[in-house]
Amino acid sequence: MTINLPKPIADYVEANARLDLDGMLRPFLPDAVFTDNGKRFEGQAAIRQLLEEEVIPVNAIFTPDAIREEAGDVVVEGPAHGDFPGSPLRFTYRFTLANGAIKSLEVAV
């Protein structure tokens, strides 16, 4: 199923599919906030560390299959698969966009 994602989200998802760390980081604003299951990472350096430690080593790839707008955010849902317990797991990604980039991303199972 192909869904139409806003460009910064599409760029993030496409880079994630390649496990391209720099590509995943590129759509984020310098002061972006990434919240992963309640843990908060502020700024690109912290987000890079999160991706390096939690996404790349387990080959976690998110495949969105649903999108909706909710309270000004873009909510994207779908499975993520990789080398982690329970794979694949269904995730919800809540993006806040600003100036053509990702201002915040909240990820929850």
Protein backbone atom coordinates (compact mmCIF):
# COMPACT_ATOMS: atom_id res chain seq x y z
CA MET A 1 0.00 0.00 0.00
CA THR A 2 1.40 3.36 -0.99
CA ILE A 3 0.47 6.37 1.10
CA ASN A 4 1.19 10.01 0.38
CA LEU A 5 3.50 11.32 3.09
CA PRO A 6 4.62 14.95 3.53
CA LYS A 7 8.15 15.35 2.13
CA PRO A 8 10.14 15.45 5.39
CA ILE A 9 8.35 12.33 6.63
CA ALA A 10 8.77 10.56 3.29
CA ASP A 11 12.48 11.45 3.33
CA TYR A 12 12.84 10.01 6.85
CA VAL A 13 10.96 6.80 5.96
CA GLU A 14 12.93 6.31 2.72
CA ALA A 15 16.26 6.80 4.52
CA ASN A 16 15.14 4.41 7.28
CA ALA A 17 14.36 1.76 4.65
CA ARG A 18 18.05 2.01 3.61
CA LEU A 19 19.24 2.29 7.25
CA ASP A 20 20.90 5.53 6.13
CA LEU A 21 21.70 7.34 9.38
CA ASP A 22 22.55 10.72 7.81
CA GLY A 23 19.47 10.53 5.60
CA MET A 24 17.23 9.79 8.59
CA LEU A 25 18.65 12.75 10.48
CA ARG A 26 18.49 15.25 7.59
CA PRO A 27 14.71 16.02 7.76
CA PHE A 28 14.92 17.06 11.44
CA LEU A 29 15.31 20.67 12.55
CA PRO A 30 18.53 21.30 14.51
CA ASP A 31 16.55 21.66 17.76
CA ALA A 32 14.06 18.85 17.04
CA VAL A 33 12.77 16.58 19.78
CA PHE A 34 12.42 12.81 19.34
CA THR A 35 10.47 10.95 22.01
CA ASP A 36 10.88 7.18 21.87
CA ASN A 37 8.52 5.27 24.18
CA GLY A 38 8.67 8.06 26.75
CA LYS A 39 12.41 8.78 26.49
CA ARG A 40 13.12 12.30 25.22
CA PHE A 41 16.05 13.16 22.91
CA GLU A 42 16.61 16.86 22.15
CA GLY A 43 18.67 18.15 19.22
CA GLN A 44 20.28 16.41 16.30
CA ALA A 45 23.25 15.06 18.29
CA ALA A 46 20.95 13.26 20.75
CA ILE A 47 18.71 12.02 17.94
CA ARG A 48 21.76 10.73 16.05
CA GLN A 49 22.88 8.82 19.15
CA LEU A 50 19.40 7.30 19.54
CA LEU A 51 19.35 6.15 15.91
CA GLU A 52 22.92 4.81 16.15
CA GLU A 53 22.18 2.84 19.31
CA GLU A 54 18.54 1.76 18.92
CA VAL A 55 17.65 1.64 15.21
CA ILE A 56 20.71 0.78 13.13
CA PRO A 57 22.06 -2.13 15.25
CA VAL A 58 18.73 -4.01 15.09
CA ASN A 59 17.97 -3.13 11.47
CA ALA A 60 14.64 -1.57 12.52
CA ILE A 61 12.71 -0.52 9.43
CA PHE A 62 9.33 1.21 9.71
CA THR A 63 6.81 0.62 6.91
CA PRO A 64 3.89 3.05 7.22
CA ASP A 65 0.49 1.88 6.06
CA ALA A 66 -1.85 4.54 7.49
CA ILE A 67 -1.78 8.32 7.85
CA ARG A 68 -4.08 10.88 9.43
CA GLU A 69 -3.95 14.45 10.70
CA GLU A 70 -4.68 14.93 14.37
CA ALA A 71 -4.50 18.22 16.30
CA GLY A 72 -2.15 19.70 13.70
CA ASP A 73 0.21 16.70 13.79
CA VAL A 74 0.70 14.02 11.15
CA VAL A 75 0.11 10.58 12.66
CA VAL A 76 1.59 7.66 10.74
CA GLU A 77 1.08 4.03 11.69
CA GLY A 78 2.56 0.78 10.50
CA PRO A 79 4.76 -2.18 11.32
CA ALA A 80 8.47 -2.07 12.01
CA HIS A 81 10.53 -5.16 11.45
CA GLY A 82 14.10 -5.98 12.31
CA ASP A 83 16.30 -8.00 14.62
CA PHE A 84 14.45 -7.20 17.86
CA PRO A 85 12.10 -9.20 20.11
CA GLY A 86 8.53 -9.34 18.86
CA SER A 87 9.38 -8.23 15.32
CA PRO A 88 7.36 -7.08 13.56
CA LEU A 89 5.70 -4.65 15.97
CA ARG A 90 3.09 -2.04 15.06
CA PHE A 91 4.16 1.54 15.82
CA THR A 92 2.52 4.95 15.84
CA TYR A 93 4.71 7.88 14.78
CA ARG A 94 3.36 11.36 15.63
CA PHE A 95 5.17 14.05 13.64
CA THR A 96 5.01 17.80 14.19
CA LEU A 97 6.27 19.64 11.12
CA ALA A 98 7.57 23.21 10.85
CA ASN A 99 9.27 25.07 8.01
CA GLY A 100 9.34 21.97 5.80
CA ALA A 101 11.11 19.85 8.42
CA ILE A 102 10.43 17.60 11.39
CA LYS A 103 10.10 19.63 14.60
CA SER A 104 9.18 16.68 16.79
CA LEU A 105 8.58 12.96 16.52
CA GLU A 106 6.93 10.81 19.13
CA VAL A 107 7.14 7.05 18.64
CA ALA A 108 5.02 4.55 20.58
CA VAL A 109 4.15 0.88 20.29
